[in-house]
C-alpha atoms as a PDB file:
ATOM      1  CA  UNK A   1       0.033   0.127   0.075  1.00  0.00           C
ATOM      2  CA  UNK A   2       1.485   3.522  -0.858  1.00  0.00           C
ATOM      3  CA  UNK A   3       2.524   5.469   2.043  1.00  0.00           C
ATOM      4  CA  UNK A   4      -0.222   8.164   1.487  1.00  0.00           C
ATOM      5  CA  UNK A   5      -2.881   5.604   1.380  1.00  0.00           C
ATOM      6  CA  UNK A   6      -1.593   4.132   4.657  1.00  0.00           C
ATOM      7  CA  UNK A   7      -1.650   7.528   6.321  1.00  0.00           C
ATOM      8  CA  UNK A   8      -5.204   8.234   5.078  1.00  0.00           C
ATOM      9  CA  UNK A   9      -6.448   4.781   6.189  1.00  0.00           C
ATOM     10  CA  UNK A  10      -4.967   5.356   9.645  1.00  0.00           C
ATOM     11  CA  UNK A  11      -6.515   8.849   9.929  1.00  0.00           C
ATOM     12  CA  UNK A  12      -9.948   7.423   8.945  1.00  0.00           C
ATOM     13  CA  UNK A  13      -9.600   4.817  11.590  1.00  0.00           C
ATOM     14  CA  UNK A  14      -8.961   7.447  14.299  1.00  0.00           C
ATOM     15  CA  UNK A  15     -11.959   9.404  13.011  1.00  0.00           C
ATOM     16  CA  UNK A  16     -14.059   6.368  13.254  1.00  0.00           C
ATOM     17  CA  UNK A  17     -12.807   5.712  16.688  1.00  0.00           C
ATOM     18  CA  UNK A  18     -13.737   9.364  17.598  1.00  0.00           C
ATOM     19  CA  UNK A  19     -17.313   8.942  16.252  1.00  0.00           C
ATOM     20  CA  UNK A  20     -17.782   5.615  18.237  1.00  0.00           C
ATOM     21  CA  UNK A  21     -16.482   7.330  21.291  1.00  0.00           C
ATOM     22  CA  UNK A  22     -18.736  10.292  21.042  1.00  0.00           C
ATOM     23  CA  UNK A  23     -21.801   7.953  20.292  1.00  0.00           C
ATOM     24  CA  UNK A  24     -21.027   5.938  23.514  1.00  0.00           C
ATOM     25  CA  UNK A  25     -20.692   9.113  25.632  1.00  0.00           C
ATOM     26  CA  UNK A  26     -24.094  10.458  24.340  1.00  0.00           C
ATOM     27  CA  UNK A  27     -25.643   7.055  24.821  1.00  0.00           C
ATOM     28  CA  UNK A  28     -24.641   6.963  28.421  1.00  0.00           C
ATOM     29  CA  UNK A  29     -25.250  10.647  29.090  1.00  0.00           C
ATOM     30  CA  UNK A  30     -27.279  12.651  26.533  1.00  0.00           C
ATOM     31  CA  UNK A  31     -26.229  16.065  28.032  1.00  0.00           C
ATOM     32  CA  UNK A  32     -22.429  15.244  28.379  1.00  0.00           C
ATOM     33  CA  UNK A  33     -21.136  17.397  25.503  1.00  0.00           C
ATOM     34  CA  UNK A  34     -23.632  20.183  26.151  1.00  0.00           C
ATOM     35  CA  UNK A  35     -22.342  20.577  29.623  1.00  0.00           C
ATOM     36  CA  UNK A  36     -18.710  20.619  28.331  1.00  0.00           C
ATOM     37  CA  UNK A  37     -19.596  23.535  26.040  1.00  0.00           C
ATOM     38  CA  UNK A  38     -20.726  25.613  28.933  1.00  0.00           C
ATOM     39  CA  UNK A  39     -17.492  25.775  30.921  1.00  0.00           C
ATOM     40  CA  UNK A  40     -14.609  23.822  32.458  1.00  0.00           C
ATOM     41  CA  UNK A  41     -14.324  23.644  36.145  1.00  0.00           C
ATOM     42  CA  UNK A  42     -11.841  20.922  37.036  1.00  0.00           C
ATOM     43  CA  UNK A  43     -10.443  20.858  40.600  1.00  0.00           C
ATOM     44  CA  UNK A  44      -7.211  19.289  39.496  1.00  0.00           C
ATOM     45  CA  UNK A  45      -4.165  20.329  37.465  1.00  0.00           C
ATOM     46  CA  UNK A  46      -1.991  17.314  36.339  1.00  0.00           C
ATOM     47  CA  UNK A  47       1.563  18.103  35.447  1.00  0.00           C
ATOM     48  CA  UNK A  48       2.840  14.868  33.914  1.00  0.00           C
ATOM     49  CA  UNK A  49       5.133  13.262  31.373  1.00  0.00           C
ATOM     50  CA  UNK A  50       4.378  13.170  27.656  1.00  0.00           C
ATOM     51  CA  UNK A  51       4.908   9.323  27.498  1.00  0.00           C
ATOM     52  CA  UNK A  52       2.099   7.778  25.620  1.00  0.00           C
ATOM     53  CA  UNK A  53       1.668   5.092  28.264  1.00  0.00           C
ATOM     54  CA  UNK A  54       0.682   7.635  30.920  1.00  0.00           C
ATOM     55  CA  UNK A  55      -2.768   8.922  29.991  1.00  0.00           C
ATOM     56  CA  UNK A  56      -3.700  11.410  32.803  1.00  0.00           C
ATOM     57  CA  UNK A  57      -7.591  11.095  32.516  1.00  0.00           C
ATOM     58  CA  UNK A  58      -7.618   7.344  32.465  1.00  0.00           C
ATOM     59  CA  UNK A  59      -5.230   6.908  35.344  1.00  0.00           C
ATOM     60  CA  UNK A  60      -7.463   8.620  37.809  1.00  0.00           C
ATOM     61  CA  UNK A  61     -10.682   7.668  35.991  1.00  0.00           C
ATOM     62  CA  UNK A  62     -11.947  11.189  35.222  1.00  0.00           C
ATOM     63  CA  UNK A  63     -14.012  12.335  32.362  1.00  0.00           C
ATOM     64  CA  UNK A  64     -13.115  15.219  29.979  1.00  0.00           C
ATOM     65  CA  UNK A  65     -13.697  18.589  31.817  1.00  0.00           C
ATOM     66  CA  UNK A  66     -12.691  17.134  35.240  1.00  0.00           C
ATOM     67  CA  UNK A  67      -8.662  17.301  34.861  1.00  0.00           C
ATOM     68  CA  UNK A  68      -6.734  20.321  33.592  1.00  0.00           C
ATOM     69  CA  UNK A  69      -3.451  18.752  32.018  1.00  0.00           C
ATOM     70  CA  UNK A  70       0.092  19.875  31.164  1.00  0.00           C
ATOM     71  CA  UNK A  71       2.369  17.333  29.818  1.00  0.00           C
ATOM     72  CA  UNK A  72       6.085  17.461  28.743  1.00  0.00           C
ATOM     73  CA  UNK A  73       9.193  15.211  28.654  1.00  0.00           C
ATOM     74  CA  UNK A  74      10.014  14.021  32.079  1.00  0.00           C
ATOM     75  CA  UNK A  75       7.155  15.981  33.858  1.00  0.00           C
ATOM     76  CA  UNK A  76       9.334  19.027  34.600  1.00  0.00           C
ATOM     77  CA  UNK A  77       8.093  22.378  36.100  1.00  0.00           C
ATOM     78  CA  UNK A  78      10.956  24.684  35.175  1.00  0.00           C
ATOM     79  CA  UNK A  79      10.573  28.191  36.524  1.00  0.00           C
ATOM     80  CA  UNK A  80      11.845  29.703  33.210  1.00  0.00           C
ATOM     81  CA  UNK A  81       9.392  27.762  30.976  1.00  0.00           C
ATOM     82  CA  UNK A  82       6.540  30.143  29.754  1.00  0.00           C
ATOM     83  CA  UNK A  83       4.447  27.233  28.653  1.00  0.00           C
ATOM     84  CA  UNK A  84       4.290  25.507  31.952  1.00  0.00           C
ATOM     85  CA  UNK A  85       3.891  28.851  33.867  1.00  0.00           C
ATOM     86  CA  UNK A  86       0.994  29.930  31.612  1.00  0.00           C
ATOM     87  CA  UNK A  87      -0.746  26.624  32.314  1.00  0.00           C
ATOM     88  CA  UNK A  88      -0.064  27.013  36.111  1.00  0.00           C
ATOM     89  CA  UNK A  89      -1.306  30.663  36.338  1.00  0.00           C
ATOM     90  CA  UNK A  90      -4.452  29.891  34.325  1.00  0.00           C
ATOM     91  CA  UNK A  91      -5.121  26.829  36.402  1.00  0.00           C
ATOM     92  CA  UNK A  92      -4.673  28.696  39.690  1.00  0.00           C
ATOM     93  CA  UNK A  93      -5.916  32.194  38.928  1.00  0.00           C
ATOM     94  CA  UNK A  94      -8.684  31.564  36.527  1.00  0.00           C
ATOM     95  CA  UNK A  95      -9.906  27.993  36.946  1.00  0.00           C
ATOM     96  CA  UNK A  96      -9.059  27.939  40.556  1.00  0.00           C
ATOM     97  CA  UNK A  97      -8.035  24.348  40.829  1.00  0.00           C
ATOM     98  CA  UNK A  98      -7.620  23.055  44.425  1.00  0.00           C
ATOM     99  CA  UNK A  99      -4.919  20.375  43.697  1.00  0.00           C
ATOM    100  CA  UNK A 100      -1.795  20.409  41.506  1.00  0.00           C
ATOM    101  CA  UNK A 101      -0.364  16.893  40.910  1.00  0.00           C
ATOM    102  CA  UNK A 102       3.132  16.418  39.687  1.00  0.00           C
ATOM    103  CA  UNK A 103       3.032  12.896  38.315  1.00  0.00           C
ATOM    104  CA  UNK A 104       6.183  11.136  37.179  1.00  0.00           C
ATOM    105  CA  UNK A 105       6.276   7.454  36.301  1.00  0.00           C
ATOM    106  CA  UNK A 106       8.865   4.635  36.875  1.00  0.00           C
ATOM    107  CA  UNK A 107      10.877   3.690  33.934  1.00  0.00           C
ATOM    108  CA  UNK A 108      10.794   7.137  32.508  1.00  0.00           C
ATOM    109  CA  UNK A 109      12.988   7.402  29.349  1.00  0.00           C
ATOM    110  CA  UNK A 110      13.524  11.154  29.827  1.00  0.00           C
ATOM    111  CA  UNK A 111      14.902  10.576  33.300  1.00  0.00           C
ATOM    112  CA  UNK A 112      17.161   7.785  31.971  1.00  0.00           C
ATOM    113  CA  UNK A 113      18.363   9.970  28.949  1.00  0.00           C
ATOM    114  CA  UNK A 114      19.301  12.755  31.258  1.00  0.00           C
ATOM    115  CA  UNK A 115      22.102  10.863  32.875  1.00  0.00           C
ATOM    116  CA  UNK A 116      23.161   8.299  30.187  1.00  0.00           C
ATOM    117  CA  UNK A 117      25.891  10.450  28.690  1.00  0.00           C
ATOM    118  CA  UNK A 118      24.446  10.370  25.096  1.00  0.00           C
ATOM    119  CA  UNK A 119      24.007  13.469  23.053  1.00  0.00           C
ATOM    120  CA  UNK A 120      20.457  14.113  21.681  1.00  0.00           C
ATOM    121  CA  UNK A 121      20.348  17.725  20.838  1.00  0.00           C
ATOM    122  CA  UNK A 122      17.784  20.254  22.323  1.00  0.00           C
ATOM    123  CA  UNK A 123      16.290  17.719  24.624  1.00  0.00           C
ATOM    124  CA  UNK A 124      19.587  17.546  26.510  1.00  0.00           C
ATOM    125  CA  UNK A 125      19.043  21.273  27.586  1.00  0.00           C
ATOM    126  CA  UNK A 126      15.486  20.624  28.567  1.00  0.00           C
ATOM    127  CA  UNK A 127      16.528  17.466  30.725  1.00  0.00           C
ATOM    128  CA  UNK A 128      19.390  19.361  32.488  1.00  0.00           C
ATOM    129  CA  UNK A 129      17.277  19.944  35.790  1.00  0.00           C
ATOM    130  CA  UNK A 130      17.424  16.165  36.118  1.00  0.00           C
ATOM    131  CA  UNK A 131      21.050  15.906  35.843  1.00  0.00           C
ATOM    132  CA  UNK A 132      21.144  18.747  38.689  1.00  0.00           C
ATOM    133  CA  UNK A 133      18.871  16.395  40.777  1.00  0.00           C
ATOM    134  CA  UNK A 134      21.176  13.415  40.072  1.00  0.00           C
ATOM    135  CA  UNK A 135      24.215  15.391  41.187  1.00  0.00           C
ATOM    136  CA  UNK A 136      22.572  16.688  44.328  1.00  0.00           C
ATOM    137  CA  UNK A 137      21.718  13.149  45.320  1.00  0.00           C
ATOM    138  CA  UNK A 138      24.550  11.318  43.677  1.00  0.00           C
ATOM    139  CA  UNK A 139      25.793   9.510  46.888  1.00  0.00           C
ATOM    140  CA  UNK A 140      22.307   7.967  47.589  1.00  0.00           C
ATOM    141  CA  UNK A 141      21.857   7.120  43.933  1.00  0.00           C
ATOM    142  CA  UNK A 142      25.436   5.689  43.310  1.00  0.00           C
ATOM    143  CA  UNK A 143      24.871   3.390  46.329  1.00  0.00           C
ATOM    144  CA  UNK A 144      21.962   1.690  44.532  1.00  0.00           C
ATOM    145  CA  UNK A 145      23.569  -1.139  42.670  1.00  0.00           C
ATOM    146  CA  UNK A 146      20.712  -1.990  40.159  1.00  0.00           C
ATOM    147  CA  UNK A 147      20.303   0.491  37.266  1.00  0.00           C
ATOM    148  CA  UNK A 148      16.514   0.084  37.115  1.00  0.00           C
ATOM    149  CA  UNK A 149      15.983   0.677  40.844  1.00  0.00           C
ATOM    150  CA  UNK A 150      18.399   3.708  40.718  1.00  0.00           C
ATOM    151  CA  UNK A 151      16.539   5.222  37.696  1.00  0.00           C
ATOM    152  CA  UNK A 152      13.215   4.803  39.574  1.00  0.00           C
ATOM    153  CA  UNK A 153      14.569   6.463  42.650  1.00  0.00           C
ATOM    154  CA  UNK A 154      15.755   9.240  40.427  1.00  0.00           C
ATOM    155  CA  UNK A 155      12.272   9.520  39.021  1.00  0.00           C
ATOM    156  CA  UNK A 156      10.990   9.967  42.652  1.00  0.00           C
ATOM    157  CA  UNK A 157      13.547  12.664  43.351  1.00  0.00           C
ATOM    158  CA  UNK A 158      12.731  14.453  40.133  1.00  0.00           C
ATOM    159  CA  UNK A 159       9.022  14.576  41.088  1.00  0.00           C
ATOM    160  CA  UNK A 160      10.014  15.937  44.536  1.00  0.00           C
ATOM    161  CA  UNK A 161      12.088  18.622  42.931  1.00  0.00           C
ATOM    162  CA  UNK A 162       9.259  19.683  40.636  1.00  0.00           C
ATOM    163  CA  UNK A 163       6.863  19.885  43.610  1.00  0.00           C
ATOM    164  CA  UNK A 164       9.316  22.370  45.191  1.00  0.00           C
ATOM    165  CA  UNK A 165       9.341  24.339  41.872  1.00  0.00           C
ATOM    166  CA  UNK A 166       5.611  24.484  41.767  1.00  0.00           C
ATOM    167  CA  UNK A 167       5.249  25.377  45.311  1.00  0.00           C
ATOM    168  CA  UNK A 168       7.813  27.989  45.182  1.00  0.00           C
ATOM    169  CA  UNK A 169       6.074  29.762  42.243  1.00  0.00           C
ATOM    170  CA  UNK A 170       4.701  33.262  42.797  1.00  0.00           C
ATOM    171  CA  UNK A 171       1.203  32.083  41.393  1.00  0.00           C
ATOM    172  CA  UNK A 172       0.993  29.349  44.177  1.00  0.00           C
ATOM    173  CA  UNK A 173       2.398  31.584  46.837  1.00  0.00           C
ATOM    174  CA  UNK A 174       0.073  34.592  45.928  1.00  0.00           C
ATOM    175  CA  UNK A 175      -2.818  32.195  46.025  1.00  0.00           C
ATOM    176  CA  UNK A 176      -1.869  31.020  49.604  1.00  0.00           C
ATOM    177  CA  UNK A 177      -1.372  34.767  50.670  1.00  0.00           C
ATOM    178  CA  UNK A 178      -4.968  35.656  49.684  1.00  0.00           C
ATOM    179  CA  UNK A 179      -6.395  32.473  51.436  1.00  0.00           C
ATOM    180  CA  UNK A 180      -7.077  30.414  48.173  1.00  0.00           C
ATOM    181  CA  UNK A 181      -6.983  26.639  48.912  1.00  0.00           C
ATOM    182  CA  UNK A 182      -4.538  25.042  46.618  1.00  0.00           C
ATOM    183  CA  UNK A 183      -2.340  21.957  47.433  1.00  0.00           C
ATOM    184  CA  UNK A 184       0.601  20.492  45.497  1.00  0.00           C
ATOM    185  CA  UNK A 185       1.291  16.832  45.472  1.00  0.00           C
ATOM    186  CA  UNK A 186       4.004  14.466  44.277  1.00  0.00           C
ATOM    187  CA  UNK A 187       2.995  10.941  42.722  1.00  0.00           C
ATOM    188  CA  UNK A 188       4.871   8.377  40.735  1.00  0.00           C
ATOM    189  CA  UNK A 189       2.911   6.175  38.415  1.00  0.00           C
ATOM    190  CA  UNK A 190       3.798   2.507  37.874  1.00  0.00           C
ATOM    191  CA  UNK A 191       3.589   1.226  34.278  1.00  0.00           C
ATOM    192  CA  UNK A 192       3.603  -2.283  35.632  1.00  0.00           C
ATOM    193  CA  UNK A 193       0.720  -2.076  37.985  1.00  0.00           C
ATOM    194  CA  UNK A 194      -1.432   0.940  36.894  1.00  0.00           C
ATOM    195  CA  UNK A 195      -1.079   2.352  40.446  1.00  0.00           C
ATOM    196  CA  UNK A 196       0.122   5.737  41.581  1.00  0.00           C
ATOM    197  CA  UNK A 197       2.552   6.015  44.464  1.00  0.00           C
ATOM    198  CA  UNK A 198       1.936   9.106  46.629  1.00  0.00           C
ATOM    199  CA  UNK A 199       5.424  10.307  47.778  1.00  0.00           C
ATOM    200  CA  UNK A 200       3.945  12.053  50.768  1.00  0.00           C
ATOM    201  CA  UNK A 201       5.390  15.548  49.885  1.00  0.00           C
ATOM    202  CA  UNK A 202       1.948  17.438  49.759  1.00  0.00           C
ATOM    203  CA  UNK A 203       2.442  21.080  50.201  1.00  0.00           C
ATOM    204  CA  UNK A 204      -0.763  23.157  51.135  1.00  0.00           C
ATOM    205  CA  UNK A 205       0.755  26.395  52.720  1.00  0.00           C
ATOM    206  CA  UNK A 206       4.078  28.139  53.369  1.00  0.00           C
ATOM    207  CA  UNK A 207       4.717  26.108  56.627  1.00  0.00           C
ATOM    208  CA  UNK A 208       4.568  22.937  54.489  1.00  0.00           C
ATOM    209  CA  UNK A 209       6.875  24.430  51.918  1.00  0.00           C
ATOM    210  CA  UNK A 210       9.476  25.552  54.389  1.00  0.00           C
ATOM    211  CA  UNK A 211       9.481  21.972  56.002  1.00  0.00           C
ATOM    212  CA  UNK A 212       9.984  20.486  52.497  1.00  0.00           C
ATOM    213  CA  UNK A 213      13.491  22.000  52.388  1.00  0.00           C
END
């Protein structure tokens, strides 16, 4: 089959999937899409990895409209990234989410790529914060003999660092100052079990943030 024909066939398949999905939604709830048209009012912002195996809504079993989502390679929350900051500000100031979840996943290719010494181009610059986390915790990490376990621990440490980044941002701290309830959480998702691991680094106010260190 010619390449163009293959591409068209694949897109037609996706469009057919879309129509079937929409029909199922309407069959289960006739007013579902009409409600979505009105407004979005999710209580949660998910900052996760772009990995195709980590679908945010499915993991926590929420419908469209119930989860505001920002995804990038290795679930980073860098204070200099305008894309992430725009999402965070909109979520906190406009939508007024109550929870921000930074969600990494075990076996993250971005985390592994950050420290394997190979050159990949622009993404090396993007992943530099993970190398900083590795350097900061190198004694703990180098004491872990098995590479897989070491990488998974680095995934956890990366999430903890990103929780600190989110909680230190002016949008979060101004929300706390005006009495707005918003918490920042750190989770890691397991591809092997489908379960999330809460790292118990939740930050709900300035006192929590200062204790996080």
